[in-house]
Amino acid sequence: MAHRPRPSRERALRQIERHAFEVGPAPPPRRLTPVEQQLLDGTATAVTDIQPVTTALHQAAPAVGEYRLSTR
């Protein structure tokens, strides 16, 4: 192989084009393990449980650019 002091963009693109057909179709998705399924379910539960809290925080927060002086 010849010495190439700098990478060539055209050479890299040709190499990608040469090997692009080798990718093929995506494999079918694998089944989740019980631990992964439990983690996914727990994350979904946490998101639905925290929604009322975030809504209340958004209502209580000042608008962008608004400054509220503390009364304490």
Protein backbone atom coordinates (compact mmCIF):
# COMPACT_ATOMS: atom_id res chain seq x y z
CA MET A 1 0.00 0.00 0.00
CA ALA A 2 1.31 3.41 -0.92
CA HIS A 3 2.18 5.91 1.76
CA ARG A 4 -0.55 8.54 2.19
CA PRO A 5 0.57 11.47 4.37
CA ARG A 6 -2.93 12.97 4.60
CA PRO A 7 -6.35 11.31 4.59
CA SER A 8 -8.29 11.72 1.39
CA ARG A 9 -12.02 12.44 1.63
CA GLU A 10 -12.67 11.02 -1.86
CA ARG A 11 -10.79 7.82 -1.05
CA ALA A 12 -12.82 7.36 2.14
CA LEU A 13 -16.11 7.92 0.30
CA ARG A 14 -15.13 5.38 -2.38
CA GLN A 15 -14.32 2.85 0.34
CA ILE A 16 -17.70 3.41 2.00
CA GLU A 17 -19.46 2.98 -1.34
CA ARG A 18 -17.55 -0.26 -1.99
CA HIS A 19 -18.69 -1.80 1.29
CA ALA A 20 -22.16 -0.24 1.60
CA PHE A 21 -23.89 -3.31 0.10
CA GLU A 22 -22.50 -5.54 2.87
CA VAL A 23 -24.72 -4.03 5.58
CA GLY A 24 -27.84 -5.99 4.69
CA PRO A 25 -31.20 -5.93 6.46
CA ALA A 26 -31.48 -5.18 10.15
CA PRO A 27 -31.66 -8.21 12.42
CA PRO A 28 -34.95 -8.82 14.23
CA PRO A 29 -35.17 -7.20 17.67
CA ARG A 30 -34.23 -9.49 20.53
CA ARG A 31 -36.50 -10.19 23.47
CA LEU A 32 -35.78 -8.24 26.63
CA THR A 33 -34.41 -10.11 29.60
CA PRO A 34 -36.56 -10.05 32.76
CA VAL A 35 -34.19 -7.51 34.34
CA GLU A 36 -34.36 -5.23 31.29
CA GLN A 37 -38.17 -5.52 31.19
CA GLN A 38 -38.40 -4.68 34.90
CA LEU A 39 -36.13 -1.67 34.40
CA LEU A 40 -38.22 -0.48 31.46
CA ASP A 41 -41.47 -0.88 33.40
CA GLY A 42 -40.01 0.89 36.44
CA THR A 43 -38.83 3.80 34.30
CA ALA A 44 -42.28 4.15 32.72
CA THR A 45 -43.90 4.10 36.17
CA ALA A 46 -41.50 6.73 37.48
CA VAL A 47 -42.22 9.01 34.54
CA THR A 48 -45.99 8.76 35.00
CA ASP A 49 -45.69 9.23 38.79
CA ILE A 50 -43.53 12.35 38.50
CA GLN A 51 -45.75 14.10 35.93
CA PRO A 52 -48.05 15.84 38.49
CA VAL A 53 -44.99 17.10 40.38
CA THR A 54 -43.39 18.60 37.28
CA THR A 55 -46.70 20.21 36.29
CA ALA A 56 -46.96 21.86 39.72
CA LEU A 57 -43.37 23.05 39.52
CA HIS A 58 -43.93 24.60 36.10
CA GLN A 59 -46.98 26.46 37.41
CA ALA A 60 -45.10 27.75 40.48
CA ALA A 61 -41.95 28.78 38.61
CA PRO A 62 -41.65 32.41 37.50
CA ALA A 63 -41.86 33.22 33.81
CA VAL A 64 -38.66 33.58 31.86
CA GLY A 65 -37.10 36.96 32.62
CA GLU A 66 -39.32 37.54 35.67
CA TYR A 67 -37.64 38.18 39.01
CA ARG A 68 -39.44 37.42 42.26
CA LEU A 69 -38.14 39.00 45.43
CA SER A 70 -38.16 36.72 48.43
CA THR A 71 -40.27 38.00 51.36
CA ARG A 72 -38.21 36.20 53.99
